[in-house]
N, C-alpha and C. Protein backbone atom coordinates (compact mmCIF):
# COMPACT_ATOMS: atom_id res chain seq x y z
N UNK A 1 108.84 -209.61 -117.07
CA UNK A 1 107.85 -209.03 -118.00
C UNK A 1 108.73 -209.20 -119.46
N UNK A 2 108.10 -209.65 -120.36
CA UNK A 2 108.65 -209.61 -121.77
C UNK A 2 108.31 -208.33 -122.53
N UNK A 3 109.26 -207.61 -122.81
CA UNK A 3 109.02 -206.28 -123.23
C UNK A 3 108.24 -206.37 -124.70
N UNK A 4 108.47 -207.39 -125.53
CA UNK A 4 108.25 -207.48 -126.76
C UNK A 4 106.81 -208.02 -126.94
N UNK A 5 106.12 -208.12 -125.63
CA UNK A 5 104.67 -208.36 -125.67
C UNK A 5 104.08 -207.20 -125.24
N UNK A 6 104.56 -206.08 -124.88
CA UNK A 6 103.85 -204.83 -124.74
C UNK A 6 103.34 -204.36 -125.94
N UNK A 7 102.46 -203.55 -125.73
CA UNK A 7 101.77 -202.74 -126.90
C UNK A 7 100.94 -201.41 -126.37
N UNK A 8 101.09 -200.51 -126.91
CA UNK A 8 100.18 -199.25 -126.48
C UNK A 8 98.77 -199.38 -126.44
N UNK A 9 97.94 -198.65 -125.44
CA UNK A 9 96.64 -198.75 -125.35
C UNK A 9 96.37 -197.09 -125.55
N UNK A 10 95.52 -197.00 -126.46
CA UNK A 10 94.88 -195.65 -126.63
C UNK A 10 93.38 -195.64 -126.17
N UNK A 11 93.25 -194.81 -125.26
CA UNK A 11 91.86 -194.55 -124.75
C UNK A 11 91.23 -193.06 -125.45
N UNK A 12 90.70 -193.27 -126.44
CA UNK A 12 90.34 -191.93 -127.16
C UNK A 12 88.95 -191.81 -127.17
N UNK A 13 88.60 -190.57 -127.43
CA UNK A 13 86.91 -190.25 -127.42
C UNK A 13 86.35 -190.89 -128.64
N UNK A 14 87.16 -190.91 -129.81
CA UNK A 14 86.53 -191.35 -131.03
C UNK A 14 87.27 -192.60 -131.43
N UNK A 15 86.66 -193.34 -132.44
CA UNK A 15 87.07 -194.53 -133.08
C UNK A 15 88.31 -194.19 -133.96
N UNK A 16 88.98 -195.61 -134.16
CA UNK A 16 90.25 -195.06 -135.19
C UNK A 16 89.97 -194.27 -136.48
N UNK A 17 88.52 -194.35 -136.89
CA UNK A 17 88.24 -193.64 -138.17
C UNK A 17 87.82 -192.34 -137.87
N UNK A 18 87.82 -191.76 -136.63
CA UNK A 18 87.41 -190.56 -136.21
C UNK A 18 88.48 -189.59 -136.51
N UNK A 19 88.23 -188.43 -137.23
CA UNK A 19 89.48 -187.35 -137.45
C UNK A 19 90.48 -187.09 -136.39
N UNK A 20 90.14 -186.74 -135.07
CA UNK A 20 90.75 -186.56 -133.96
C UNK A 20 91.73 -187.69 -133.74
N UNK A 21 91.15 -188.87 -133.59
CA UNK A 21 91.73 -189.97 -133.00
C UNK A 21 93.00 -190.44 -134.04
N UNK A 22 92.41 -190.54 -135.39
CA UNK A 22 93.25 -191.08 -136.38
C UNK A 22 94.56 -190.20 -136.66
N UNK A 23 94.39 -188.87 -136.47
CA UNK A 23 95.53 -188.10 -136.66
C UNK A 23 96.23 -187.60 -135.63
N UNK A 24 95.79 -187.77 -134.27
CA UNK A 24 96.42 -187.32 -133.12
C UNK A 24 97.06 -188.83 -132.60
N UNK A 25 96.37 -189.67 -132.29
CA UNK A 25 96.72 -190.87 -131.59
C UNK A 25 97.26 -191.95 -132.37
N UNK A 26 96.45 -192.47 -133.15
CA UNK A 26 96.87 -193.69 -133.92
C UNK A 26 98.01 -193.43 -135.00
N UNK A 27 98.34 -192.16 -135.43
CA UNK A 27 99.44 -191.96 -136.23
C UNK A 27 100.61 -192.36 -135.62
N UNK A 28 100.81 -192.31 -134.49
CA UNK A 28 102.07 -192.56 -133.58
C UNK A 28 102.15 -194.14 -133.34
N UNK A 29 101.18 -194.95 -133.83
CA UNK A 29 101.34 -196.48 -133.41
C UNK A 29 102.37 -197.06 -133.96
N UNK A 30 102.84 -196.90 -135.48
CA UNK A 30 103.61 -197.66 -135.82
C UNK A 30 105.03 -197.30 -135.16
N UNK A 31 105.26 -195.83 -134.82
CA UNK A 31 106.50 -195.56 -134.07
C UNK A 31 106.62 -196.10 -132.79
N UNK A 32 105.59 -196.19 -132.10
CA UNK A 32 105.57 -196.81 -130.65
C UNK A 32 106.10 -198.18 -130.78
N UNK A 33 105.36 -199.05 -131.87
CA UNK A 33 105.58 -200.37 -131.82
C UNK A 33 107.05 -200.58 -132.30
N UNK A 34 107.59 -199.80 -132.88
CA UNK A 34 109.17 -199.92 -133.16
C UNK A 34 109.93 -199.78 -132.11
N UNK A 35 109.55 -198.60 -131.28
CA UNK A 35 110.50 -198.24 -129.98
C UNK A 35 110.28 -199.24 -129.11
N UNK A 36 108.96 -200.03 -128.95
CA UNK A 36 108.93 -201.13 -127.96
C UNK A 36 109.72 -202.08 -128.53
N UNK A 37 109.80 -202.62 -129.74
CA UNK A 37 110.54 -203.52 -130.14
C UNK A 37 112.07 -203.49 -129.88
N UNK A 38 112.58 -202.15 -129.85
CA UNK A 38 113.96 -201.74 -129.62
C UNK A 38 114.38 -201.72 -128.11
N UNK A 39 113.37 -201.36 -127.23
CA UNK A 39 113.43 -201.01 -126.09
C UNK A 39 114.19 -202.44 -125.20
N UNK A 40 115.19 -201.68 -124.48
CA UNK A 40 115.91 -202.75 -123.44
C UNK A 40 116.31 -202.07 -122.31
N UNK A 41 116.37 -202.69 -121.03
CA UNK A 41 116.58 -202.13 -119.84
C UNK A 41 117.91 -201.31 -119.76
N UNK A 42 118.98 -201.81 -120.35
CA UNK A 42 120.44 -201.08 -120.25
C UNK A 42 120.11 -199.60 -120.97
N UNK A 43 119.47 -199.71 -122.09
CA UNK A 43 119.32 -198.47 -122.77
C UNK A 43 118.24 -197.43 -121.99
N UNK A 44 117.35 -197.99 -121.34
CA UNK A 44 116.51 -197.10 -120.37
C UNK A 44 117.26 -196.49 -119.23
N UNK A 45 118.06 -197.41 -118.76
CA UNK A 45 118.96 -196.61 -117.59
C UNK A 45 120.21 -195.93 -117.98
N UNK A 46 120.48 -196.05 -119.25
CA UNK A 46 121.56 -195.17 -119.71
C UNK A 46 120.95 -193.72 -119.98
N UNK A 47 119.70 -193.81 -120.65
CA UNK A 47 118.91 -192.61 -120.96
C UNK A 47 118.60 -192.01 -119.65
N UNK A 48 118.12 -192.63 -118.58
CA UNK A 48 117.86 -191.93 -117.33
C UNK A 48 119.26 -191.38 -116.67
N UNK A 49 120.31 -191.94 -116.78
CA UNK A 49 121.56 -191.43 -116.25
C UNK A 49 121.83 -190.08 -117.02
N UNK A 50 121.69 -190.10 -118.33
CA UNK A 50 122.05 -188.88 -119.21
C UNK A 50 120.97 -187.58 -118.81
N UNK A 51 119.65 -188.06 -118.73
CA UNK A 51 118.62 -186.98 -118.11
C UNK A 51 119.10 -186.57 -116.74
N UNK A 52 119.50 -187.34 -115.94
CA UNK A 52 119.89 -186.81 -114.56
C UNK A 52 121.13 -185.92 -114.88
N UNK A 53 122.06 -186.31 -115.40
CA UNK A 53 123.30 -185.48 -115.78
C UNK A 53 122.70 -183.98 -116.28
N UNK A 54 121.84 -184.13 -117.35
CA UNK A 54 121.38 -183.00 -118.08
C UNK A 54 120.69 -182.05 -117.13
N UNK A 55 120.01 -182.58 -115.84
CA UNK A 55 119.50 -181.59 -115.02
C UNK A 55 120.52 -180.91 -114.02
N UNK A 56 121.66 -181.30 -114.07
CA UNK A 56 122.75 -180.93 -113.47
C UNK A 56 123.63 -179.79 -114.17
N UNK A 57 123.40 -179.64 -115.44
CA UNK A 57 124.05 -178.77 -116.25
C UNK A 57 123.67 -177.26 -115.80
N UNK A 58 124.68 -176.37 -115.51
CA UNK A 58 124.67 -175.08 -115.23
C UNK A 58 123.67 -174.52 -116.17
N UNK A 59 122.78 -173.67 -115.70
CA UNK A 59 121.83 -173.01 -116.52
C UNK A 59 120.83 -173.63 -117.32
N UNK A 60 120.63 -174.94 -116.96
CA UNK A 60 119.67 -175.66 -117.68
C UNK A 60 118.20 -175.37 -117.42
N UNK A 61 118.07 -174.86 -116.20
CA UNK A 61 116.65 -174.28 -115.96
C UNK A 61 116.09 -173.21 -116.79
N UNK A 62 116.98 -172.38 -116.88
CA UNK A 62 116.70 -171.08 -117.58
C UNK A 62 116.57 -171.29 -119.20
N UNK A 63 117.42 -172.32 -119.58
CA UNK A 63 117.50 -172.57 -120.97
C UNK A 63 116.21 -173.34 -121.29
N UNK A 64 115.74 -174.35 -120.37
CA UNK A 64 114.44 -174.98 -120.59
C UNK A 64 113.25 -174.03 -120.48
N UNK A 65 113.27 -173.04 -119.73
CA UNK A 65 112.21 -171.92 -119.58
C UNK A 65 112.14 -171.32 -120.96
N UNK A 66 113.31 -170.96 -121.28
CA UNK A 66 113.44 -169.97 -122.54
C UNK A 66 112.80 -170.75 -123.78
N UNK A 67 113.17 -172.13 -123.94
CA UNK A 67 112.81 -172.93 -124.98
C UNK A 67 111.13 -172.98 -124.77
N UNK A 68 110.75 -173.29 -123.62
CA UNK A 68 109.22 -173.70 -123.44
C UNK A 68 108.47 -172.30 -123.84
N UNK A 69 109.11 -171.12 -123.37
CA UNK A 69 108.43 -169.70 -123.70
C UNK A 69 108.31 -169.63 -125.33
N UNK A 70 109.42 -169.97 -125.89
CA UNK A 70 109.55 -169.88 -127.22
C UNK A 70 108.54 -170.58 -127.98
N UNK A 71 108.24 -171.83 -127.58
CA UNK A 71 107.66 -172.81 -128.63
C UNK A 71 106.17 -173.09 -128.00
N UNK A 72 105.74 -172.61 -126.54
CA UNK A 72 104.65 -172.99 -126.18
C UNK A 72 103.90 -171.85 -125.40
N UNK A 73 104.30 -170.52 -125.77
CA UNK A 73 103.91 -169.34 -125.10
C UNK A 73 102.44 -168.93 -125.73
N UNK A 74 101.44 -169.02 -124.93
CA UNK A 74 100.03 -168.63 -125.27
C UNK A 74 99.98 -167.32 -125.97
N UNK A 75 100.72 -166.33 -125.44
CA UNK A 75 100.58 -165.01 -125.81
C UNK A 75 101.15 -164.93 -127.26
N UNK A 76 102.29 -165.65 -127.70
CA UNK A 76 103.03 -165.73 -128.99
C UNK A 76 102.02 -166.62 -129.91
N UNK A 77 101.60 -167.60 -129.24
CA UNK A 77 100.78 -168.50 -130.10
C UNK A 77 99.51 -167.75 -130.86
N UNK A 78 98.74 -166.91 -129.79
CA UNK A 78 97.54 -166.14 -130.04
C UNK A 78 98.04 -165.05 -131.06
N UNK A 79 99.24 -164.46 -131.02
CA UNK A 79 99.72 -163.51 -131.77
C UNK A 79 99.86 -164.01 -133.28
N UNK A 80 100.58 -165.27 -133.22
CA UNK A 80 100.68 -165.78 -134.43
C UNK A 80 99.58 -166.36 -135.23
N UNK A 81 98.29 -166.70 -134.87
CA UNK A 81 97.17 -167.04 -135.11
C UNK A 81 96.54 -165.82 -135.51
N UNK A 82 96.72 -164.56 -134.69
CA UNK A 82 96.06 -163.43 -135.45
C UNK A 82 96.58 -163.19 -136.65
N UNK A 83 98.02 -163.00 -136.55
CA UNK A 83 98.76 -162.72 -138.13
C UNK A 83 98.12 -163.49 -139.21
N UNK A 84 97.89 -164.85 -138.83
CA UNK A 84 97.40 -165.74 -140.07
C UNK A 84 96.13 -165.18 -140.40
N UNK A 85 95.18 -165.08 -139.43
CA UNK A 85 93.88 -164.51 -139.72
C UNK A 85 93.61 -163.07 -140.39
N UNK A 86 94.61 -162.21 -139.98
CA UNK A 86 94.79 -160.93 -140.57
C UNK A 86 95.18 -161.02 -142.05
N UNK A 87 96.12 -161.96 -142.23
CA UNK A 87 96.65 -162.17 -143.66
C UNK A 87 95.50 -162.86 -144.65
N UNK A 88 94.73 -163.78 -143.97
CA UNK A 88 93.58 -164.34 -144.60
C UNK A 88 92.59 -163.32 -144.98
N UNK A 89 92.12 -162.55 -143.92
CA UNK A 89 91.27 -161.37 -144.30
C UNK A 89 91.68 -160.47 -145.21
N UNK A 90 93.02 -160.12 -145.22
CA UNK A 90 93.53 -159.28 -146.37
C UNK A 90 93.24 -159.90 -147.74
N UNK A 91 93.78 -161.01 -147.89
CA UNK A 91 93.68 -162.04 -149.07
C UNK A 91 92.24 -162.12 -149.50
N UNK A 92 91.37 -162.25 -148.56
CA UNK A 92 89.89 -162.16 -148.94
C UNK A 92 89.27 -161.00 -149.64
N UNK A 93 89.92 -159.77 -148.95
CA UNK A 93 89.13 -158.65 -149.52
C UNK A 93 90.00 -158.20 -150.86
N UNK A 94 91.18 -158.68 -151.03
CA UNK A 94 91.74 -158.54 -152.47
C UNK A 94 91.10 -159.30 -153.31
N UNK A 95 90.70 -160.45 -153.16
CA UNK A 95 90.07 -161.34 -154.10
C UNK A 95 88.70 -160.63 -154.53
N UNK A 96 88.07 -160.07 -153.45
CA UNK A 96 86.72 -159.49 -153.70
C UNK A 96 86.82 -158.24 -154.50
N UNK A 97 87.86 -157.63 -154.48
CA UNK A 97 87.77 -156.13 -155.06
C UNK A 97 88.24 -156.41 -156.76
């Protein structure tokens, strides 16, 4: 298979002009094309080796969980959104007074 003939396929709900598709999927198309142009098997195998070595690092599971909880916690995300809405609500009331 010639890797330079590969191209990404996006199966999106909306057309490329739709807001969600345009900003979510299609914005990555130039980067993906560049990545595919630079892709080669030795680099892929090296990356796989490094990932396997990383999984064997002492404490990696706890570190991964800690990072996931920090960046993807539903509770923390909801609290942050609540703080934003509280600030917006205060700002609205200040401008109305």
